[in-house]
Amino acid sequence: MTVTWHDWAGYIGVVLVLLAYLLLQAHKLHGNGLIYQLMNVLGAAGVMLSLVFGAFNAPAFFMQVAWLLIGIYGITRSARVRRQAREITHKSP
C-alpha cells in the first residue's frame, strides 16, 4: 500500500480535528480560541485535499467545507470581539 501526500494530508487533518475536540472537552482549549479554530480549519483543509486528490466523497467533502467555513467564521468573529474590546479599553478615562 502506497501512502500519497494527499493521504497524509487527510490523516493529519483528521488528527487535528479530533485533537482539537479532545482538548476542548479536556478544557485545555477554549471553543472561541484561535488555536482551536485554526486546528479545525487546517484539519478540514487537510481532509478536503485528501478527498479532492484521492477518492472523492461528496458528502464528506461538503461536511469539511462547512467545518472550514465555521472555523473561519469563528476566527473572524473572535478577532472582531478582541478588536472591539481593545477599542473600549483605550477609550476608558
N, C-alpha and C. Protein backbone atom coordinates (compact mmCIF):
# COMPACT_ATOMS: atom_id res chain seq x y z
N MET A 1 0.84 -1.18 0.00
CA MET A 1 0.00 0.00 0.00
C MET A 1 0.89 1.24 0.00
N THR A 2 0.65 2.11 -0.96
CA THR A 2 1.39 3.35 -1.06
C THR A 2 0.57 4.48 -0.43
N VAL A 3 1.21 5.22 0.46
CA VAL A 3 0.55 6.36 1.09
C VAL A 3 1.04 7.61 0.37
N THR A 4 0.13 8.34 -0.23
CA THR A 4 0.47 9.53 -1.00
C THR A 4 0.44 10.78 -0.12
N TRP A 5 0.88 11.89 -0.70
CA TRP A 5 0.89 13.15 0.06
C TRP A 5 -0.52 13.55 0.48
N HIS A 6 -1.50 13.29 -0.40
CA HIS A 6 -2.88 13.68 -0.03
C HIS A 6 -3.46 12.74 1.01
N ASP A 7 -2.99 11.49 1.06
CA ASP A 7 -3.39 10.63 2.17
C ASP A 7 -2.86 11.20 3.49
N TRP A 8 -1.60 11.60 3.48
CA TRP A 8 -1.01 12.19 4.70
C TRP A 8 -1.75 13.45 5.11
N ALA A 9 -2.11 14.28 4.12
CA ALA A 9 -2.88 15.50 4.43
C ALA A 9 -4.19 15.14 5.11
N GLY A 10 -4.85 14.10 4.63
CA GLY A 10 -6.11 13.66 5.23
C GLY A 10 -5.92 13.11 6.64
N TYR A 11 -4.89 12.28 6.83
CA TYR A 11 -4.62 11.73 8.17
C TYR A 11 -4.31 12.84 9.16
N ILE A 12 -3.45 13.75 8.75
CA ILE A 12 -3.09 14.86 9.63
C ILE A 12 -4.31 15.73 9.92
N GLY A 13 -5.14 15.96 8.89
CA GLY A 13 -6.36 16.74 9.08
C GLY A 13 -7.30 16.10 10.08
N VAL A 14 -7.48 14.80 9.98
CA VAL A 14 -8.35 14.09 10.92
C VAL A 14 -7.79 14.18 12.34
N VAL A 15 -6.49 14.00 12.47
CA VAL A 15 -5.86 14.09 13.79
C VAL A 15 -6.05 15.49 14.38
N LEU A 16 -5.87 16.52 13.55
CA LEU A 16 -6.05 17.90 14.05
C LEU A 16 -7.47 18.15 14.54
N VAL A 17 -8.45 17.73 13.77
CA VAL A 17 -9.85 17.97 14.16
C VAL A 17 -10.19 17.20 15.43
N LEU A 18 -9.79 15.94 15.48
CA LEU A 18 -10.09 15.14 16.67
C LEU A 18 -9.33 15.62 17.89
N LEU A 19 -8.08 16.01 17.71
CA LEU A 19 -7.28 16.52 18.82
C LEU A 19 -7.87 17.83 19.34
N ALA A 20 -8.31 18.69 18.43
CA ALA A 20 -8.94 19.95 18.85
C ALA A 20 -10.17 19.66 19.71
N TYR A 21 -10.97 18.71 19.28
CA TYR A 21 -12.18 18.38 20.04
C TYR A 21 -11.83 17.76 21.39
N LEU A 22 -10.84 16.88 21.41
CA LEU A 22 -10.41 16.28 22.67
C LEU A 22 -9.91 17.35 23.64
N LEU A 23 -9.07 18.26 23.15
CA LEU A 23 -8.55 19.33 24.00
C LEU A 23 -9.65 20.27 24.48
N LEU A 24 -10.66 20.47 23.66
CA LEU A 24 -11.81 21.28 24.07
C LEU A 24 -12.54 20.58 25.21
N GLN A 25 -12.80 19.29 25.06
CA GLN A 25 -13.51 18.54 26.09
C GLN A 25 -12.70 18.43 27.38
N ALA A 26 -11.37 18.43 27.26
CA ALA A 26 -10.50 18.34 28.43
C ALA A 26 -10.24 19.71 29.05
N HIS A 27 -10.89 20.74 28.52
CA HIS A 27 -10.75 22.12 28.99
C HIS A 27 -9.32 22.64 28.87
N LYS A 28 -8.62 22.16 27.84
CA LYS A 28 -7.27 22.65 27.55
C LYS A 28 -7.31 23.76 26.50
N LEU A 29 -8.39 23.80 25.74
CA LEU A 29 -8.60 24.85 24.74
C LEU A 29 -10.00 25.43 24.94
N HIS A 30 -10.18 26.65 24.47
CA HIS A 30 -11.49 27.31 24.51
C HIS A 30 -12.09 27.26 23.11
N GLY A 31 -13.38 27.06 23.03
CA GLY A 31 -14.07 26.96 21.76
C GLY A 31 -13.97 28.20 20.90
N ASN A 32 -13.77 29.35 21.52
CA ASN A 32 -13.63 30.58 20.75
C ASN A 32 -12.17 31.00 20.61
N GLY A 33 -11.26 30.13 21.02
CA GLY A 33 -9.83 30.45 20.94
C GLY A 33 -9.26 30.25 19.54
N LEU A 34 -8.24 31.00 19.24
CA LEU A 34 -7.63 30.95 17.91
C LEU A 34 -7.01 29.58 17.62
N ILE A 35 -6.35 28.97 18.58
CA ILE A 35 -5.71 27.67 18.36
C ILE A 35 -6.75 26.62 18.00
N TYR A 36 -7.83 26.58 18.74
CA TYR A 36 -8.91 25.61 18.46
C TYR A 36 -9.46 25.82 17.05
N GLN A 37 -9.73 27.05 16.70
CA GLN A 37 -10.30 27.33 15.38
C GLN A 37 -9.31 27.00 14.26
N LEU A 38 -8.03 27.34 14.47
CA LEU A 38 -7.03 27.03 13.45
C LEU A 38 -6.86 25.52 13.27
N MET A 39 -6.89 24.78 14.36
CA MET A 39 -6.79 23.32 14.26
C MET A 39 -7.95 22.77 13.42
N ASN A 40 -9.14 23.31 13.62
CA ASN A 40 -10.30 22.86 12.84
C ASN A 40 -10.20 23.27 11.37
N VAL A 41 -9.79 24.49 11.11
CA VAL A 41 -9.68 24.97 9.73
C VAL A 41 -8.60 24.18 8.98
N LEU A 42 -7.42 24.03 9.58
CA LEU A 42 -6.35 23.29 8.93
C LEU A 42 -6.70 21.81 8.79
N GLY A 43 -7.37 21.27 9.80
CA GLY A 43 -7.80 19.89 9.72
C GLY A 43 -8.78 19.66 8.59
N ALA A 44 -9.76 20.52 8.49
CA ALA A 44 -10.75 20.40 7.41
C ALA A 44 -10.08 20.55 6.05
N ALA A 45 -9.13 21.47 5.94
CA ALA A 45 -8.43 21.66 4.67
C ALA A 45 -7.65 20.40 4.30
N GLY A 46 -7.02 19.77 5.28
CA GLY A 46 -6.28 18.54 5.01
C GLY A 46 -7.19 17.43 4.52
N VAL A 47 -8.33 17.26 5.16
CA VAL A 47 -9.27 16.23 4.73
C VAL A 47 -9.81 16.56 3.34
N MET A 48 -10.07 17.83 3.08
CA MET A 48 -10.55 18.23 1.75
C MET A 48 -9.52 17.90 0.68
N LEU A 49 -8.24 18.14 0.96
CA LEU A 49 -7.19 17.79 0.00
C LEU A 49 -7.20 16.29 -0.30
N SER A 50 -7.34 15.49 0.75
CA SER A 50 -7.35 14.05 0.53
C SER A 50 -8.55 13.62 -0.30
N LEU A 51 -9.67 14.30 -0.15
CA LEU A 51 -10.86 13.96 -0.91
C LEU A 51 -10.77 14.44 -2.36
N VAL A 52 -10.17 15.59 -2.58
CA VAL A 52 -10.07 16.14 -3.93
C VAL A 52 -9.06 15.34 -4.76
N PHE A 53 -7.91 15.03 -4.17
CA PHE A 53 -6.86 14.36 -4.92
C PHE A 53 -6.88 12.85 -4.78
N GLY A 54 -7.70 12.33 -3.87
CA GLY A 54 -7.84 10.89 -3.68
C GLY A 54 -9.21 10.45 -4.13
N ALA A 55 -9.82 9.59 -3.34
CA ALA A 55 -11.16 9.10 -3.65
C ALA A 55 -12.17 10.15 -3.19
N PHE A 56 -12.84 10.78 -4.15
CA PHE A 56 -13.79 11.84 -3.81
C PHE A 56 -15.05 11.25 -3.22
N ASN A 57 -15.53 11.90 -2.17
CA ASN A 57 -16.78 11.53 -1.50
C ASN A 57 -17.51 12.84 -1.24
N ALA A 58 -18.56 13.09 -2.00
CA ALA A 58 -19.25 14.39 -1.93
C ALA A 58 -19.77 14.72 -0.54
N PRO A 59 -20.48 13.84 0.16
CA PRO A 59 -20.97 14.21 1.49
C PRO A 59 -19.84 14.56 2.46
N ALA A 60 -18.77 13.78 2.44
CA ALA A 60 -17.63 14.07 3.32
C ALA A 60 -16.98 15.41 2.94
N PHE A 61 -16.89 15.67 1.65
CA PHE A 61 -16.30 16.93 1.19
C PHE A 61 -17.13 18.12 1.66
N PHE A 62 -18.44 18.05 1.49
CA PHE A 62 -19.30 19.16 1.90
C PHE A 62 -19.29 19.36 3.41
N MET A 63 -19.15 18.28 4.15
CA MET A 63 -19.02 18.39 5.61
C MET A 63 -17.75 19.17 5.96
N GLN A 64 -16.66 18.89 5.26
CA GLN A 64 -15.40 19.59 5.52
C GLN A 64 -15.47 21.05 5.09
N VAL A 65 -16.16 21.33 3.99
CA VAL A 65 -16.36 22.72 3.58
C VAL A 65 -17.10 23.47 4.68
N ALA A 66 -18.16 22.86 5.21
CA ALA A 66 -18.91 23.50 6.30
C ALA A 66 -18.02 23.71 7.52
N TRP A 67 -17.22 22.70 7.88
CA TRP A 67 -16.33 22.78 9.03
C TRP A 67 -15.32 23.91 8.83
N LEU A 68 -14.78 24.01 7.63
CA LEU A 68 -13.83 25.07 7.30
C LEU A 68 -14.48 26.44 7.41
N LEU A 69 -15.66 26.60 6.85
CA LEU A 69 -16.34 27.90 6.89
C LEU A 69 -16.72 28.29 8.32
N ILE A 70 -17.17 27.33 9.11
CA ILE A 70 -17.50 27.61 10.51
C ILE A 70 -16.25 28.05 11.26
N GLY A 71 -15.13 27.39 11.00
CA GLY A 71 -13.87 27.78 11.64
C GLY A 71 -13.42 29.18 11.25
N ILE A 72 -13.54 29.49 9.97
CA ILE A 72 -13.18 30.84 9.51
C ILE A 72 -14.09 31.88 10.15
N TYR A 73 -15.38 31.56 10.23
CA TYR A 73 -16.33 32.46 10.91
C TYR A 73 -15.90 32.67 12.36
N GLY A 74 -15.54 31.60 13.05
CA GLY A 74 -15.10 31.71 14.44
C GLY A 74 -13.87 32.57 14.60
N ILE A 75 -12.92 32.42 13.69
CA ILE A 75 -11.69 33.22 13.74
C ILE A 75 -12.00 34.69 13.53
N THR A 76 -12.81 35.00 12.52
CA THR A 76 -13.11 36.41 12.24
C THR A 76 -13.97 37.02 13.35
N ARG A 77 -14.91 36.25 13.89
CA ARG A 77 -15.74 36.77 14.98
C ARG A 77 -14.89 37.05 16.22
N SER A 78 -14.00 36.14 16.57
CA SER A 78 -13.14 36.34 17.74
C SER A 78 -12.23 37.55 17.55
N ALA A 79 -11.71 37.71 16.34
CA ALA A 79 -10.85 38.86 16.05
C ALA A 79 -11.63 40.16 16.20
N ARG A 80 -12.87 40.16 15.73
CA ARG A 80 -13.71 41.35 15.84
C ARG A 80 -14.01 41.67 17.30
N VAL A 81 -14.32 40.66 18.09
CA VAL A 81 -14.62 40.86 19.51
C VAL A 81 -13.39 41.39 20.24
N ARG A 82 -12.21 40.82 19.95
CA ARG A 82 -10.98 41.30 20.60
C ARG A 82 -10.67 42.74 20.20
N ARG A 83 -10.88 43.07 18.94
CA ARG A 83 -10.64 44.44 18.47
C ARG A 83 -11.58 45.42 19.15
N GLN A 84 -12.84 45.05 19.28
CA GLN A 84 -13.81 45.92 19.95
C GLN A 84 -13.46 46.09 21.42
N ALA A 85 -13.01 45.04 22.07
CA ALA A 85 -12.62 45.12 23.48
C ALA A 85 -11.43 46.05 23.65
N ARG A 86 -10.46 45.98 22.73
CA ARG A 86 -9.30 46.89 22.80
C ARG A 86 -9.73 48.34 22.61
N GLU A 87 -10.66 48.57 21.68
CA GLU A 87 -11.13 49.93 21.45
C GLU A 87 -11.83 50.48 22.68
N ILE A 88 -12.59 49.65 23.36
CA ILE A 88 -13.28 50.09 24.58
C ILE A 88 -12.29 50.42 25.68
N THR A 89 -11.27 49.58 25.85
CA THR A 89 -10.30 49.83 26.93
C THR A 89 -9.44 51.06 26.63
N HIS A 90 -9.20 51.36 25.35
CA HIS A 90 -8.41 52.54 25.01
C HIS A 90 -9.21 53.82 25.14
N LYS A 91 -10.54 53.72 25.10
CA LYS A 91 -11.40 54.89 25.24
C LYS A 91 -11.68 55.21 26.71
N SER A 92 -11.40 54.26 27.60
CA SER A 92 -11.66 54.49 29.04
C SER A 92 -10.77 55.59 29.56
N PRO A 93 -11.31 56.43 30.50
CA PRO A 93 -10.50 57.53 31.03
C PRO A 93 -9.40 57.05 31.96
